[in-house]
Amino acid sequence: MEIERKFIVNEKRLPFKLNRLVNYYITQSYLDTGDKSIVRIRRIKDIHGKETYKLEFKTFGLLSREEICLNIDYGKYLELFSICKTSLSKTRYIFPYNKFTFEIDVYEDYDFITLEVEFNSEEQANSFEPLDWFGEEITYDKKYKNNNLAKLI
C-alpha cells in the first residue's frame, strides 16, 4: 500500500540546496493508464550512473493506492518501452526529515517542483502538518498525477 500526500514547492523557499541531496534521474513510461489502474515502467539512474529497471502496477487512488513493483532487466525494459504510450522524466531528490522521507521531483518538461511525503497509514497522513515552506497541496488534484502529466508532453 502506498500512502502519500503531494505538494507544489517553490525552490526558493526550500531550506536546503537540492544539489546537496541524494538524487536519481527517473524516466517513467506508461503502458496503461486506465480508470482503475496504471501500469508503468521506470528507468532509474543513480548519481554513479548505475541503472535499475522496474515494472509497476498501481491501483488508482489519490491519497492511497495498492502498488506492486517488480525488478526487470534492461532487455525486458526495452521490450516494454517499445509499446509505451507516454513518458515523463524527472530528477528525484531525497530529503529525510524526522521519521519521514520527502521526495522532491523536478520535472524535465514542467516549470514546477513537487514534494511527496509517504506515510504508514491514512491516519498518519491525515494528521501530518505540512511544514511552513510547503506550498499548495495537490494530493487530490488529478492533473498533477504523473500519469496525467505524461499525457501532456
Protein backbone atom coordinates (compact mmCIF):
# COMPACT_ATOMS: atom_id res chain seq x y z
CA MET A 1 0.00 0.00 0.00
CA GLU A 2 1.30 3.43 -0.94
CA ILE A 3 0.01 6.36 1.11
CA GLU A 4 1.30 9.81 0.28
CA ARG A 5 0.48 13.49 0.24
CA LYS A 6 1.79 15.73 -2.51
CA PHE A 7 2.59 19.46 -2.59
CA ILE A 8 3.87 22.07 -5.02
CA VAL A 9 7.01 23.72 -3.65
CA ASN A 10 8.93 26.82 -4.60
CA GLU A 11 12.64 26.02 -4.90
CA LYS A 12 13.48 29.44 -3.42
CA ARG A 13 11.59 28.55 -0.23
CA LEU A 14 13.43 25.26 0.30
CA PRO A 15 15.56 25.37 3.49
CA PHE A 16 18.38 23.50 1.68
CA LYS A 17 20.06 23.26 -1.72
CA LEU A 18 18.76 20.45 -3.90
CA ASN A 19 22.23 19.69 -5.29
CA ARG A 20 23.31 18.60 -1.78
CA LEU A 21 20.74 15.81 -1.63
CA VAL A 22 20.87 12.23 -2.86
CA ASN A 23 19.14 12.16 -6.23
CA TYR A 24 18.04 9.87 -9.03
CA TYR A 25 17.12 10.54 -12.64
CA ILE A 26 13.86 8.74 -13.43
CA THR A 27 12.09 8.08 -16.70
CA GLN A 28 8.55 6.79 -16.21
CA SER A 29 6.81 5.31 -19.23
CA TYR A 30 3.20 4.20 -19.20
CA LEU A 31 1.82 1.07 -20.82
CA ASP A 32 -1.70 1.65 -19.49
CA THR A 33 -3.39 4.48 -17.62
CA GLY A 34 -6.90 3.19 -17.18
CA ASP A 35 -9.62 4.31 -14.80
CA LYS A 36 -8.83 1.63 -12.22
CA SER A 37 -5.10 1.00 -12.57
CA ILE A 38 -1.81 2.19 -14.00
CA VAL A 39 0.94 0.04 -15.49
CA ARG A 40 4.30 1.71 -15.95
CA ILE A 41 7.99 1.00 -16.29
CA ARG A 42 10.74 3.01 -14.70
CA ARG A 43 14.35 3.56 -15.60
CA ILE A 44 16.19 4.86 -12.53
CA LYS A 45 19.74 6.17 -12.78
CA ASP A 46 21.69 6.98 -9.61
CA ILE A 47 24.42 9.60 -9.26
CA HIS A 48 27.07 6.97 -10.10
CA GLY A 49 25.38 6.06 -13.38
CA LYS A 50 24.02 2.70 -12.22
CA GLU A 51 20.63 1.98 -13.77
CA THR A 52 17.79 -0.15 -12.44
CA TYR A 53 14.54 -1.02 -14.20
CA LYS A 54 11.12 -1.65 -12.70
CA LEU A 55 7.67 -2.76 -13.81
CA GLU A 56 4.99 -1.24 -11.59
CA PHE A 57 1.26 -1.81 -11.16
CA LYS A 58 -0.79 0.75 -9.23
CA THR A 59 -4.46 0.95 -8.49
CA PHE A 60 -5.98 4.37 -8.98
CA GLY A 61 -6.18 6.48 -5.86
CA LEU A 62 -5.40 9.95 -4.62
CA LEU A 63 -4.19 9.59 -1.02
CA SER A 64 -3.65 5.82 -1.01
CA ARG A 65 -3.41 3.02 -3.55
CA GLU A 66 -2.13 -0.51 -3.93
CA GLU A 67 1.24 -0.80 -5.59
CA ILE A 68 3.28 -3.77 -6.84
CA CYS A 69 6.83 -3.17 -8.02
CA LEU A 70 8.93 -5.78 -9.84
CA ASN A 71 12.59 -5.52 -10.86
CA ILE A 72 13.18 -6.25 -14.55
CA ASP A 73 16.30 -6.43 -16.69
CA TYR A 74 17.34 -3.98 -19.40
CA GLY A 75 16.14 -6.23 -22.23
CA LYS A 76 12.65 -6.53 -20.77
CA TYR A 77 12.63 -2.76 -20.14
CA LEU A 78 13.42 -2.06 -23.81
CA GLU A 79 10.78 -4.53 -24.95
CA LEU A 80 8.13 -2.89 -22.78
CA PHE A 81 9.31 0.63 -23.62
CA SER A 82 8.64 -0.03 -27.29
CA ILE A 83 4.90 -0.32 -26.57
CA CYS A 84 4.58 2.54 -24.07
CA LYS A 85 2.07 5.27 -24.82
CA THR A 86 3.53 8.17 -22.82
CA SER A 87 6.61 9.07 -20.75
CA LEU A 88 7.97 11.73 -18.46
CA SER A 89 11.38 12.37 -16.92
CA LYS A 90 12.30 13.91 -13.62
CA THR A 91 15.08 14.17 -11.08
CA ARG A 92 14.06 12.95 -7.64
CA TYR A 93 15.82 14.34 -4.58
CA ILE A 94 15.56 12.50 -1.26
CA PHE A 95 15.33 14.53 1.95
CA PRO A 96 14.97 12.63 5.25
CA TYR A 97 13.09 14.63 7.87
CA ASN A 98 12.32 13.28 11.35
CA LYS A 99 10.52 9.97 10.74
CA PHE A 100 9.56 10.89 7.17
CA THR A 101 11.24 10.90 3.79
CA PHE A 102 10.43 13.77 1.47
CA GLU A 103 10.75 13.03 -2.25
CA ILE A 104 11.21 16.20 -4.26
CA ASP A 105 10.62 15.86 -8.01
CA VAL A 106 11.95 18.35 -10.55
CA TYR A 107 10.26 17.60 -13.88
CA GLU A 108 12.13 17.90 -17.15
CA ASP A 109 9.19 19.34 -19.10
CA TYR A 110 7.41 21.42 -16.45
CA ASP A 111 8.28 24.53 -14.51
CA PHE A 112 7.09 23.33 -11.12
CA ILE A 113 8.50 21.12 -8.40
CA THR A 114 6.52 18.64 -6.33
CA LEU A 115 7.19 17.15 -2.94
CA GLU A 116 5.72 13.86 -1.74
CA VAL A 117 5.58 12.62 1.82
CA GLU A 118 5.00 8.89 2.31
CA PHE A 119 3.11 7.54 5.33
CA ASN A 120 2.46 4.24 7.07
CA SER A 121 -1.29 4.84 7.45
CA GLU A 122 -4.06 7.16 6.30
CA GLU A 123 -4.42 8.34 9.90
CA GLN A 124 -0.77 9.37 9.93
CA ALA A 125 -1.19 11.10 6.56
CA ASN A 126 -4.29 13.00 7.68
CA SER A 127 -2.66 14.17 10.92
CA PHE A 128 0.54 15.36 9.23
CA GLU A 129 1.03 19.13 9.39
CA PRO A 130 2.83 20.46 6.30
CA LEU A 131 5.96 22.47 7.03
CA ASP A 132 5.87 26.23 6.53
CA TRP A 133 7.89 26.05 3.29
CA PHE A 134 5.45 23.62 1.64
CA GLY A 135 3.25 25.18 -0.99
CA GLU A 136 -0.20 24.26 -2.23
CA GLU A 137 -1.34 20.71 -1.50
CA ILE A 138 -2.14 18.79 -4.69
CA THR A 139 -2.83 15.33 -3.25
CA TYR A 140 -6.40 15.38 -4.52
CA ASP A 141 -5.76 17.19 -7.82
CA LYS A 142 -5.67 14.56 -10.58
CA LYS A 143 -3.93 16.85 -13.06
CA TYR A 144 -0.70 16.55 -11.02
CA LYS A 145 -0.64 12.75 -11.11
CA ASN A 146 2.44 11.68 -13.06
CA ASN A 147 0.41 9.55 -15.48
CA ASN A 148 -1.66 12.63 -16.37
CA LEU A 149 1.41 14.85 -16.68
CA ALA A 150 2.95 12.31 -19.08
CA LYS A 151 -0.09 12.62 -21.36
CA LEU A 152 0.52 16.36 -21.74
CA ILE A 153 4.09 16.08 -23.03
